[in-house]
């Protein structure tokens, strides 16, 4: 039987799943296009950026306004923008965002 990975070992890669995701990508700016708007994203979750483009609104703490803070799940998952759909869980970009936003456990 393989050894159980030590969750405090920051050198060991850990598989990302829906159970430990922590929604780090939900801090990224999400640009919207006409297809995204056709998905009926609620207007209160959309804002205009400094260059006149439409983006998902972010709260003052940097999180996407569509993220439920109690569950850390997207409240519009079935209607989420294409950029969110294309951001693969466990991809290099995903792991990079996790490294930026998650503080390693202190020993």
PDB file of N, CA and C in Angstrom:
ATOM      1  N   UNK A   1       0.849  -1.172   0.000  1.00  0.00           N
ATOM      2  CA  UNK A   1       0.000   0.000   0.000  1.00  0.00           C
ATOM      3  C   UNK A   1       0.897   1.238   0.000  1.00  0.00           C
ATOM      4  N   UNK A   2       0.585   2.261  -0.879  1.00  0.00           N
ATOM      5  CA  UNK A   2       1.411   3.463  -0.931  1.00  0.00           C
ATOM      6  C   UNK A   2       1.278   4.281   0.340  1.00  0.00           C
ATOM      7  N   UNK A   3       2.344   5.002   0.664  1.00  0.00           N
ATOM      8  CA  UNK A   3       2.344   5.858   1.857  1.00  0.00           C
ATOM      9  C   UNK A   3       1.353   7.003   1.674  1.00  0.00           C
ATOM     10  N   UNK A   4       0.726   7.403   2.754  1.00  0.00           N
ATOM     11  CA  UNK A   4      -0.185   8.542   2.730  1.00  0.00           C
ATOM     12  C   UNK A   4       0.630   9.824   2.649  1.00  0.00           C
ATOM     13  N   UNK A   5       0.310  10.710   1.666  1.00  0.00           N
ATOM     14  CA  UNK A   5       1.078  11.947   1.552  1.00  0.00           C
ATOM     15  C   UNK A   5       0.901  12.834   2.782  1.00  0.00           C
ATOM     16  N   UNK A   6       1.963  13.509   3.159  1.00  0.00           N
ATOM     17  CA  UNK A   6       1.936  14.443   4.283  1.00  0.00           C
ATOM     18  C   UNK A   6       1.355  15.764   3.794  1.00  0.00           C
ATOM     19  N   UNK A   7       0.184  16.197   4.277  1.00  0.00           N
ATOM     20  CA  UNK A   7      -0.422  17.438   3.797  1.00  0.00           C
ATOM     21  C   UNK A   7       0.388  18.680   4.160  1.00  0.00           C
ATOM     22  N   UNK A   8       1.341  18.558   5.083  1.00  0.00           N
ATOM     23  CA  UNK A   8       2.173  19.697   5.466  1.00  0.00           C
ATOM     24  C   UNK A   8       3.462  19.771   4.653  1.00  0.00           C
ATOM     25  N   UNK A   9       3.693  18.780   3.796  1.00  0.00           N
ATOM     26  CA  UNK A   9       4.885  18.757   2.946  1.00  0.00           C
ATOM     27  C   UNK A   9       4.605  19.626   1.731  1.00  0.00           C
ATOM     28  N   UNK A  10       5.145  20.844   1.736  1.00  0.00           N
ATOM     29  CA  UNK A  10       4.901  21.789   0.647  1.00  0.00           C
ATOM     30  C   UNK A  10       5.705  21.451  -0.596  1.00  0.00           C
ATOM     31  N   UNK A  11       6.613  20.478  -0.533  1.00  0.00           N
ATOM     32  CA  UNK A  11       7.381  20.091  -1.707  1.00  0.00           C
ATOM     33  C   UNK A  11       6.668  19.018  -2.514  1.00  0.00           C
ATOM     34  N   UNK A  12       5.730  18.315  -1.902  1.00  0.00           N
ATOM     35  CA  UNK A  12       5.009  17.252  -2.599  1.00  0.00           C
ATOM     36  C   UNK A  12       3.821  17.835  -3.353  1.00  0.00           C
ATOM     37  N   UNK A  13       3.711  17.541  -4.669  1.00  0.00           N
ATOM     38  CA  UNK A  13       2.553  18.044  -5.409  1.00  0.00           C
ATOM     39  C   UNK A  13       1.278  17.375  -4.912  1.00  0.00           C
ATOM     40  N   UNK A  14       0.232  18.154  -4.764  1.00  0.00           N
ATOM     41  CA  UNK A  14      -1.036  17.603  -4.323  1.00  0.00           C
ATOM     42  C   UNK A  14      -2.044  17.765  -5.443  1.00  0.00           C
ATOM     43  N   UNK A  15      -2.797  16.708  -5.688  1.00  0.00           N
ATOM     44  CA  UNK A  15      -3.807  16.750  -6.732  1.00  0.00           C
ATOM     45  C   UNK A  15      -4.921  17.695  -6.307  1.00  0.00           C
ATOM     46  N   UNK A  16      -5.348  18.525  -7.228  1.00  0.00           N
ATOM     47  CA  UNK A  16      -6.423  19.469  -6.961  1.00  0.00           C
ATOM     48  C   UNK A  16      -7.726  18.828  -7.419  1.00  0.00           C
ATOM     49  N   UNK A  17      -8.735  18.899  -6.571  1.00  0.00           N
ATOM     50  CA  UNK A  17     -10.049  18.361  -6.912  1.00  0.00           C
ATOM     51  C   UNK A  17     -11.111  19.363  -6.469  1.00  0.00           C
ATOM     52  N   UNK A  18     -12.344  19.049  -6.754  1.00  0.00           N
ATOM     53  CA  UNK A  18     -13.442  19.921  -6.322  1.00  0.00           C
ATOM     54  C   UNK A  18     -13.511  20.033  -4.806  1.00  0.00           C
ATOM     55  N   UNK A  19     -12.926  19.069  -4.094  1.00  0.00           N
ATOM     56  CA  UNK A  19     -12.993  19.058  -2.639  1.00  0.00           C
ATOM     57  C   UNK A  19     -11.920  19.916  -1.975  1.00  0.00           C
ATOM     58  N   UNK A  20     -10.847  20.251  -2.711  1.00  0.00           N
ATOM     59  CA  UNK A  20      -9.781  21.062  -2.116  1.00  0.00           C
ATOM     60  C   UNK A  20      -9.385  22.238  -3.000  1.00  0.00           C
ATOM     61  N   UNK A  21     -10.216  22.610  -3.913  1.00  0.00           N
ATOM     62  CA  UNK A  21      -9.910  23.632  -4.920  1.00  0.00           C
ATOM     63  C   UNK A  21      -9.590  24.992  -4.303  1.00  0.00           C
ATOM     64  N   UNK A  22     -10.424  25.476  -3.436  1.00  0.00           N
ATOM     65  CA  UNK A  22     -10.302  26.768  -2.758  1.00  0.00           C
ATOM     66  C   UNK A  22     -10.459  27.961  -3.689  1.00  0.00           C
ATOM     67  N   UNK A  23     -10.892  27.735  -4.925  1.00  0.00           N
ATOM     68  CA  UNK A  23     -11.320  28.780  -5.865  1.00  0.00           C
ATOM     69  C   UNK A  23     -10.295  29.893  -6.094  1.00  0.00           C
ATOM     70  N   UNK A  24      -9.023  29.565  -6.094  1.00  0.00           N
ATOM     71  CA  UNK A  24      -7.994  30.594  -6.279  1.00  0.00           C
ATOM     72  C   UNK A  24      -8.123  31.324  -7.615  1.00  0.00           C
ATOM     73  N   UNK A  25      -8.603  30.623  -8.648  1.00  0.00           N
ATOM     74  CA  UNK A  25      -8.757  31.265  -9.960  1.00  0.00           C
ATOM     75  C   UNK A  25      -9.859  32.322  -9.932  1.00  0.00           C
ATOM     76  N   UNK A  26     -10.706  32.279  -8.934  1.00  0.00           N
ATOM     77  CA  UNK A  26     -11.804  33.239  -8.836  1.00  0.00           C
ATOM     78  C   UNK A  26     -11.341  34.607  -8.351  1.00  0.00           C
ATOM     79  N   UNK A  27     -10.040  34.795  -8.299  1.00  0.00           N
ATOM     80  CA  UNK A  27      -9.470  36.106  -7.989  1.00  0.00           C
ATOM     81  C   UNK A  27      -8.943  36.776  -9.265  1.00  0.00           C
ATOM     82  N   UNK A  28      -8.957  36.043 -10.372  1.00  0.00           N
ATOM     83  CA  UNK A  28      -8.481  36.585 -11.643  1.00  0.00           C
ATOM     84  C   UNK A  28      -9.557  37.441 -12.292  1.00  0.00           C
ATOM     85  N   UNK A  29      -9.136  38.443 -13.058  1.00  0.00           N
ATOM     86  CA  UNK A  29     -10.099  39.229 -13.828  1.00  0.00           C
ATOM     87  C   UNK A  29     -10.611  38.368 -14.974  1.00  0.00           C
ATOM     88  N   UNK A  30     -11.922  38.312 -15.153  1.00  0.00           N
ATOM     89  CA  UNK A  30     -12.540  37.499 -16.193  1.00  0.00           C
ATOM     90  C   UNK A  30     -13.183  38.415 -17.220  1.00  0.00           C
ATOM     91  N   UNK A  31     -12.575  38.459 -18.397  1.00  0.00           N
ATOM     92  CA  UNK A  31     -13.122  39.238 -19.498  1.00  0.00           C
ATOM     93  C   UNK A  31     -14.316  38.502 -20.085  1.00  0.00           C
ATOM     94  N   UNK A  32     -15.341  39.251 -20.459  1.00  0.00           N
ATOM     95  CA  UNK A  32     -16.559  38.667 -21.011  1.00  0.00           C
ATOM     96  C   UNK A  32     -16.687  39.021 -22.485  1.00  0.00           C
ATOM     97  N   UNK A  33     -17.309  38.123 -23.240  1.00  0.00           N
ATOM     98  CA  UNK A  33     -17.612  38.418 -24.638  1.00  0.00           C
ATOM     99  C   UNK A  33     -19.107  38.245 -24.862  1.00  0.00           C
ATOM    100  N   UNK A  34     -19.551  38.427 -26.091  1.00  0.00           N
ATOM    101  CA  UNK A  34     -20.990  38.380 -26.371  1.00  0.00           C
ATOM    102  C   UNK A  34     -21.585  37.004 -26.073  1.00  0.00           C
ATOM    103  N   UNK A  35     -20.813  35.928 -26.283  1.00  0.00           N
ATOM    104  CA  UNK A  35     -21.311  34.591 -25.954  1.00  0.00           C
ATOM    105  C   UNK A  35     -21.547  34.454 -24.455  1.00  0.00           C
ATOM    106  N   UNK A  36     -20.648  35.038 -23.662  1.00  0.00           N
ATOM    107  CA  UNK A  36     -20.823  34.997 -22.204  1.00  0.00           C
ATOM    108  C   UNK A  36     -22.091  35.734 -21.803  1.00  0.00           C
ATOM    109  N   UNK A  37     -22.316  36.879 -22.401  1.00  0.00           N
ATOM    110  CA  UNK A  37     -23.503  37.665 -22.058  1.00  0.00           C
ATOM    111  C   UNK A  37     -24.778  36.946 -22.489  1.00  0.00           C
ATOM    112  N   UNK A  38     -24.686  36.166 -23.579  1.00  0.00           N
ATOM    113  CA  UNK A  38     -25.841  35.391 -24.041  1.00  0.00           C
ATOM    114  C   UNK A  38     -26.183  34.261 -23.072  1.00  0.00           C
ATOM    115  N   UNK A  39     -25.244  33.880 -22.215  1.00  0.00           N
ATOM    116  CA  UNK A  39     -25.502  32.843 -21.201  1.00  0.00           C
ATOM    117  C   UNK A  39     -26.355  33.395 -20.053  1.00  0.00           C
ATOM    118  N   UNK A  40     -26.719  34.641 -20.144  1.00  0.00           N
ATOM    119  CA  UNK A  40     -27.559  35.277 -19.128  1.00  0.00           C
ATOM    120  C   UNK A  40     -26.869  35.411 -17.784  1.00  0.00           C
ATOM    121  N   UNK A  41     -25.625  35.843 -17.806  1.00  0.00           N
ATOM    122  CA  UNK A  41     -24.932  36.158 -16.561  1.00  0.00           C
ATOM    123  C   UNK A  41     -25.673  37.350 -15.940  1.00  0.00           C
ATOM    124  N   UNK A  42     -26.050  37.253 -14.693  1.00  0.00           N
ATOM    125  CA  UNK A  42     -26.801  38.355 -14.067  1.00  0.00           C
ATOM    126  C   UNK A  42     -26.048  39.688 -14.170  1.00  0.00           C
ATOM    127  N   UNK A  43     -26.782  40.737 -14.517  1.00  0.00           N
ATOM    128  CA  UNK A  43     -26.180  42.060 -14.726  1.00  0.00           C
ATOM    129  C   UNK A  43     -25.442  42.581 -13.503  1.00  0.00           C
ATOM    130  N   UNK A  44     -25.905  42.240 -12.308  1.00  0.00           N
ATOM    131  CA  UNK A  44     -25.252  42.746 -11.098  1.00  0.00           C
ATOM    132  C   UNK A  44     -23.871  42.114 -10.886  1.00  0.00           C
ATOM    133  N   UNK A  45     -23.528  41.091 -11.670  1.00  0.00           N
ATOM    134  CA  UNK A  45     -22.217  40.453 -11.563  1.00  0.00           C
ATOM    135  C   UNK A  45     -21.243  40.939 -12.638  1.00  0.00           C
ATOM    136  N   UNK A  46     -21.707  41.859 -13.477  1.00  0.00           N
ATOM    137  CA  UNK A  46     -20.905  42.362 -14.597  1.00  0.00           C
ATOM    138  C   UNK A  46     -20.609  43.837 -14.380  1.00  0.00           C
ATOM    139  N   UNK A  47     -19.381  44.247 -14.724  1.00  0.00           N
ATOM    140  CA  UNK A  47     -19.026  45.662 -14.673  1.00  0.00           C
ATOM    141  C   UNK A  47     -18.106  45.998 -15.835  1.00  0.00           C
ATOM    142  N   UNK A  48     -17.920  47.271 -16.057  1.00  0.00           N
ATOM    143  CA  UNK A  48     -17.043  47.754 -17.111  1.00  0.00           C
ATOM    144  C   UNK A  48     -15.664  48.017 -16.523  1.00  0.00           C
ATOM    145  N   UNK A  49     -14.620  47.560 -17.221  1.00  0.00           N
ATOM    146  CA  UNK A  49     -13.263  47.814 -16.731  1.00  0.00           C
ATOM    147  C   UNK A  49     -12.772  49.183 -17.199  1.00  0.00           C
ATOM    148  N   UNK A  50     -11.561  49.528 -16.853  1.00  0.00           N
ATOM    149  CA  UNK A  50     -10.997  50.852 -17.162  1.00  0.00           C
ATOM    150  C   UNK A  50     -10.881  51.105 -18.659  1.00  0.00           C
ATOM    151  N   UNK A  51     -10.888  50.050 -19.471  1.00  0.00           N
ATOM    152  CA  UNK A  51     -10.734  50.194 -20.918  1.00  0.00           C
ATOM    153  C   UNK A  51     -12.057  50.046 -21.654  1.00  0.00           C
ATOM    154  N   UNK A  52     -13.154  49.956 -20.922  1.00  0.00           N
ATOM    155  CA  UNK A  52     -14.471  49.876 -21.533  1.00  0.00           C
ATOM    156  C   UNK A  52     -14.946  48.464 -21.828  1.00  0.00           C
ATOM    157  N   UNK A  53     -14.159  47.455 -21.451  1.00  0.00           N
ATOM    158  CA  UNK A  53     -14.576  46.069 -21.651  1.00  0.00           C
ATOM    159  C   UNK A  53     -15.438  45.590 -20.506  1.00  0.00           C
ATOM    160  N   UNK A  54     -16.200  44.554 -20.754  1.00  0.00           N
ATOM    161  CA  UNK A  54     -17.042  43.985 -19.709  1.00  0.00           C
ATOM    162  C   UNK A  54     -16.307  42.833 -19.034  1.00  0.00           C
ATOM    163  N   UNK A  55     -16.371  42.811 -17.705  1.00  0.00           N
ATOM    164  CA  UNK A  55     -15.695  41.804 -16.889  1.00  0.00           C
ATOM    165  C   UNK A  55     -16.638  41.354 -15.782  1.00  0.00           C
ATOM    166  N   UNK A  56     -16.309  40.195 -15.197  1.00  0.00           N
ATOM    167  CA  UNK A  56     -17.038  39.774 -14.007  1.00  0.00           C
ATOM    168  C   UNK A  56     -16.646  40.728 -12.880  1.00  0.00           C
ATOM    169  N   UNK A  57     -17.628  41.170 -12.119  1.00  0.00           N
ATOM    170  CA  UNK A  57     -17.375  42.092 -11.007  1.00  0.00           C
ATOM    171  C   UNK A  57     -16.629  41.368  -9.900  1.00  0.00           C
ATOM    172  N   UNK A  58     -15.667  42.053  -9.323  1.00  0.00           N
ATOM    173  CA  UNK A  58     -14.936  41.521  -8.177  1.00  0.00           C
ATOM    174  C   UNK A  58     -15.285  42.357  -6.954  1.00  0.00           C
ATOM    175  N   UNK A  59     -15.387  41.669  -5.819  1.00  0.00           N
ATOM    176  CA  UNK A  59     -15.654  42.350  -4.557  1.00  0.00           C
ATOM    177  C   UNK A  59     -14.391  43.072  -4.090  1.00  0.00           C
ATOM    178  N   UNK A  60     -14.509  43.884  -3.068  1.00  0.00           N
ATOM    179  CA  UNK A  60     -13.366  44.639  -2.546  1.00  0.00           C
ATOM    180  C   UNK A  60     -12.226  43.730  -2.096  1.00  0.00           C
ATOM    181  N   UNK A  61     -12.554  42.502  -1.677  1.00  0.00           N
ATOM    182  CA  UNK A  61     -11.520  41.569  -1.233  1.00  0.00           C
ATOM    183  C   UNK A  61     -10.824  40.842  -2.385  1.00  0.00           C
ATOM    184  N   UNK A  62     -11.233  41.135  -3.634  1.00  0.00           N
ATOM    185  CA  UNK A  62     -10.596  40.545  -4.802  1.00  0.00           C
ATOM    186  C   UNK A  62     -11.273  39.309  -5.361  1.00  0.00           C
ATOM    187  N   UNK A  63     -12.252  38.764  -4.652  1.00  0.00           N
ATOM    188  CA  UNK A  63     -12.950  37.576  -5.124  1.00  0.00           C
ATOM    189  C   UNK A  63     -14.031  37.939  -6.123  1.00  0.00           C
ATOM    190  N   UNK A  64     -14.260  37.062  -7.074  1.00  0.00           N
ATOM    191  CA  UNK A  64     -15.353  37.223  -8.026  1.00  0.00           C
ATOM    192  C   UNK A  64     -16.665  37.326  -7.250  1.00  0.00           C
ATOM    193  N   UNK A  65     -17.526  38.228  -7.683  1.00  0.00           N
ATOM    194  CA  UNK A  65     -18.800  38.439  -6.996  1.00  0.00           C
ATOM    195  C   UNK A  65     -19.733  37.238  -7.112  1.00  0.00           C
ATOM    196  N   UNK A  66     -19.452  36.308  -8.033  1.00  0.00           N
ATOM    197  CA  UNK A  66     -20.303  35.125  -8.204  1.00  0.00           C
ATOM    198  C   UNK A  66     -19.951  33.994  -7.240  1.00  0.00           C
ATOM    199  N   UNK A  67     -18.870  34.139  -6.482  1.00  0.00           N
ATOM    200  CA  UNK A  67     -18.447  33.076  -5.566  1.00  0.00           C
ATOM    201  C   UNK A  67     -19.200  33.206  -4.236  1.00  0.00           C
ATOM    202  N   UNK A  68     -19.816  32.113  -3.831  1.00  0.00           N
ATOM    203  CA  UNK A  68     -20.469  32.054  -2.527  1.00  0.00           C
ATOM    204  C   UNK A  68     -19.362  31.893  -1.486  1.00  0.00           C
ATOM    205  N   UNK A  69     -19.206  32.857  -0.585  1.00  0.00           N
ATOM    206  CA  UNK A  69     -18.106  32.833   0.382  1.00  0.00           C
ATOM    207  C   UNK A  69     -18.232  31.726   1.426  1.00  0.00           C
ATOM    208  N   UNK A  70     -19.424  31.188   1.627  1.00  0.00           N
ATOM    209  CA  UNK A  70     -19.596  30.102   2.596  1.00  0.00           C
ATOM    210  C   UNK A  70     -19.144  28.761   2.034  1.00  0.00           C
ATOM    211  N   UNK A  71     -19.397  28.543   0.751  1.00  0.00           N
ATOM    212  CA  UNK A  71     -19.057  27.261   0.131  1.00  0.00           C
ATOM    213  C   UNK A  71     -17.849  27.347  -0.793  1.00  0.00           C
ATOM    214  N   UNK A  72     -17.480  28.558  -1.200  1.00  0.00           N
ATOM    215  CA  UNK A  72     -16.427  28.815  -2.191  1.00  0.00           C
ATOM    216  C   UNK A  72     -16.759  28.152  -3.527  1.00  0.00           C
ATOM    217  N   UNK A  73     -18.051  28.075  -3.828  1.00  0.00           N
ATOM    218  CA  UNK A  73     -18.519  27.538  -5.096  1.00  0.00           C
ATOM    219  C   UNK A  73     -19.137  28.667  -5.914  1.00  0.00           C
ATOM    220  N   UNK A  74     -19.079  28.513  -7.228  1.00  0.00           N
ATOM    221  CA  UNK A  74     -19.647  29.503  -8.136  1.00  0.00           C
ATOM    222  C   UNK A  74     -21.168  29.413  -8.108  1.00  0.00           C
ATOM    223  N   UNK A  75     -21.811  30.549  -7.919  1.00  0.00           N
ATOM    224  CA  UNK A  75     -23.271  30.577  -7.859  1.00  0.00           C
ATOM    225  C   UNK A  75     -23.907  30.559  -9.244  1.00  0.00           C
ATOM    226  N   UNK A  76     -23.097  30.730 -10.288  1.00  0.00           N
ATOM    227  CA  UNK A  76     -23.613  30.694 -11.662  1.00  0.00           C
ATOM    228  C   UNK A  76     -22.860  29.640 -12.481  1.00  0.00           C
ATOM    229  N   UNK A  77     -22.455  28.553 -11.849  1.00  0.00           N
ATOM    230  CA  UNK A  77     -21.595  27.557 -12.486  1.00  0.00           C
ATOM    231  C   UNK A  77     -22.099  27.121 -13.860  1.00  0.00           C
ATOM    232  N   UNK A  78     -23.367  26.849 -14.015  1.00  0.00           N
ATOM    233  CA  UNK A  78     -23.885  26.390 -15.311  1.00  0.00           C
ATOM    234  C   UNK A  78     -23.894  27.494 -16.357  1.00  0.00           C
ATOM    235  N   UNK A  79     -23.795  28.750 -15.926  1.00  0.00           N
ATOM    236  CA  UNK A  79     -23.784  29.898 -16.850  1.00  0.00           C
ATOM    237  C   UNK A  79     -22.451  30.632 -16.840  1.00  0.00           C
ATOM    238  N   UNK A  80     -21.423  30.057 -16.207  1.00  0.00           N
ATOM    239  CA  UNK A  80     -20.157  30.756 -16.041  1.00  0.00           C
ATOM    240  C   UNK A  80     -19.525  31.104 -17.389  1.00  0.00           C
ATOM    241  N   UNK A  81     -18.705  32.161 -17.413  1.00  0.00           N
ATOM    242  CA  UNK A  81     -18.065  32.604 -18.654  1.00  0.00           C
ATOM    243  C   UNK A  81     -17.127  31.543 -19.237  1.00  0.00           C
ATOM    244  N   UNK A  82     -16.860  31.661 -20.531  1.00  0.00           N
ATOM    245  CA  UNK A  82     -15.990  30.704 -21.217  1.00  0.00           C
ATOM    246  C   UNK A  82     -14.592  30.691 -20.616  1.00  0.00           C
ATOM    247  N   UNK A  83     -14.069  31.849 -20.224  1.00  0.00           N
ATOM    248  CA  UNK A  83     -12.738  31.870 -19.600  1.00  0.00           C
ATOM    249  C   UNK A  83     -12.706  30.995 -18.357  1.00  0.00           C
ATOM    250  N   UNK A  84     -13.770  30.986 -17.592  1.00  0.00           N
ATOM    251  CA  UNK A  84     -13.846  30.138 -16.402  1.00  0.00           C
ATOM    252  C   UNK A  84     -13.941  28.668 -16.800  1.00  0.00           C
ATOM    253  N   UNK A  85     -14.699  28.389 -17.854  1.00  0.00           N
ATOM    254  CA  UNK A  85     -14.834  27.016 -18.339  1.00  0.00           C
ATOM    255  C   UNK A  85     -13.497  26.474 -18.834  1.00  0.00           C
ATOM    256  N   UNK A  86     -12.683  27.338 -19.430  1.00  0.00           N
ATOM    257  CA  UNK A  86     -11.409  26.922 -20.019  1.00  0.00           C
ATOM    258  C   UNK A  86     -10.284  26.787 -19.001  1.00  0.00           C
ATOM    259  N   UNK A  87     -10.476  27.307 -17.792  1.00  0.00           N
ATOM    260  CA  UNK A  87      -9.437  27.259 -16.764  1.00  0.00           C
ATOM    261  C   UNK A  87      -9.483  25.885 -16.101  1.00  0.00           C
ATOM    262  N   UNK A  88      -8.618  24.997 -16.547  1.00  0.00           N
ATOM    263  CA  UNK A  88      -8.661  23.603 -16.101  1.00  0.00           C
ATOM    264  C   UNK A  88      -8.131  23.426 -14.684  1.00  0.00           C
ATOM    265  N   UNK A  89      -8.888  22.690 -13.889  1.00  0.00           N
ATOM    266  CA  UNK A  89      -8.471  22.368 -12.537  1.00  0.00           C
ATOM    267  C   UNK A  89      -7.212  21.498 -12.595  1.00  0.00           C
ATOM    268  N   UNK A  90      -6.211  21.882 -11.828  1.00  0.00           N
ATOM    269  CA  UNK A  90      -4.954  21.149 -11.778  1.00  0.00           C
ATOM    270  C   UNK A  90      -3.977  21.496 -12.888  1.00  0.00           C
ATOM    271  N   UNK A  91      -4.345  22.427 -13.773  1.00  0.00           N
ATOM    272  CA  UNK A  91      -3.445  22.840 -14.852  1.00  0.00           C
ATOM    273  C   UNK A  91      -2.291  23.668 -14.279  1.00  0.00           C
ATOM    274  N   UNK A  92      -1.294  23.947 -15.091  1.00  0.00           N
ATOM    275  CA  UNK A  92      -0.169  24.774 -14.656  1.00  0.00           C
ATOM    276  C   UNK A  92      -0.668  26.103 -14.116  1.00  0.00           C
ATOM    277  N   UNK A  93      -1.604  26.734 -14.841  1.00  0.00           N
ATOM    278  CA  UNK A  93      -2.131  28.029 -14.421  1.00  0.00           C
ATOM    279  C   UNK A  93      -2.860  27.925 -13.091  1.00  0.00           C
ATOM    280  N   UNK A  94      -3.606  26.846 -12.908  1.00  0.00           N
ATOM    281  CA  UNK A  94      -4.318  26.597 -11.652  1.00  0.00           C
ATOM    282  C   UNK A  94      -3.323  26.476 -10.501  1.00  0.00           C
ATOM    283  N   UNK A  95      -2.310  25.651 -10.691  1.00  0.00           N
ATOM    284  CA  UNK A  95      -1.314  25.441  -9.639  1.00  0.00           C
ATOM    285  C   UNK A  95      -0.550  26.729  -9.339  1.00  0.00           C
ATOM    286  N   UNK A  96      -0.315  27.529 -10.371  1.00  0.00           N
ATOM    287  CA  UNK A  96       0.372  28.810 -10.179  1.00  0.00           C
ATOM    288  C   UNK A  96      -0.469  29.753  -9.322  1.00  0.00           C
ATOM    289  N   UNK A  97      -1.757  29.850  -9.595  1.00  0.00           N
ATOM    290  CA  UNK A  97      -2.639  30.699  -8.789  1.00  0.00           C
ATOM    291  C   UNK A  97      -2.710  30.203  -7.350  1.00  0.00           C
ATOM    292  N   UNK A  98      -2.750  28.893  -7.172  1.00  0.00           N
ATOM    293  CA  UNK A  98      -2.774  28.330  -5.815  1.00  0.00           C
ATOM    294  C   UNK A  98      -1.493  28.695  -5.068  1.00  0.00           C
ATOM    295  N   UNK A  99      -0.365  28.640  -5.760  1.00  0.00           N
ATOM    296  CA  UNK A  99       0.922  28.984  -5.117  1.00  0.00           C
ATOM    297  C   UNK A  99       0.943  30.444  -4.700  1.00  0.00           C
ATOM    298  N   UNK A 100       0.293  31.299  -5.473  1.00  0.00           N
ATOM    299  CA  UNK A 100       0.259  32.736  -5.155  1.00  0.00           C
ATOM    300  C   UNK A 100      -0.660  33.001  -3.959  1.00  0.00           C
ATOM    301  N   UNK A 101      -1.807  32.364  -3.934  1.00  0.00           N
ATOM    302  CA  UNK A 101      -2.844  32.723  -2.966  1.00  0.00           C
ATOM    303  C   UNK A 101      -2.924  31.861  -1.716  1.00  0.00           C
ATOM    304  N   UNK A 102      -2.354  30.677  -1.751  1.00  0.00           N
ATOM    305  CA  UNK A 102      -2.425  29.809  -0.569  1.00  0.00           C
ATOM    306  C   UNK A 102      -1.119  29.868   0.178  1.00  0.00           C
ATOM    307  N   UNK A 103      -1.194  30.182   1.439  1.00  0.00           N
ATOM    308  CA  UNK A 103      -0.007  30.256   2.289  1.00  0.00           C
ATOM    309  C   UNK A 103       0.321  28.839   2.761  1.00  0.00           C
ATOM    310  N   UNK A 104       1.547  28.385   2.559  1.00  0.00           N
ATOM    311  CA  UNK A 104       1.904  27.036   3.028  1.00  0.00           C
ATOM    312  C   UNK A 104       1.718  26.917   4.543  1.00  0.00           C
ATOM    313  N   UNK A 105       1.386  25.719   4.963  1.00  0.00           N
ATOM    314  CA  UNK A 105       1.217  25.462   6.408  1.00  0.00           C
ATOM    315  C   UNK A 105       2.502  25.738   7.141  1.00  0.00           C
ATOM    316  N   UNK A 106       2.398  26.373   8.277  1.00  0.00           N
ATOM    317  CA  UNK A 106       3.572  26.663   9.107  1.00  0.00           C
ATOM    318  C   UNK A 106       3.848  25.467  10.005  1.00  0.00           C
ATOM    319  N   UNK A 107       5.103  25.058  10.099  1.00  0.00           N
ATOM    320  CA  UNK A 107       5.470  23.911  10.934  1.00  0.00           C
ATOM    321  C   UNK A 107       5.803  24.366  12.340  1.00  0.00           C
TER     322      UNK A 107
END
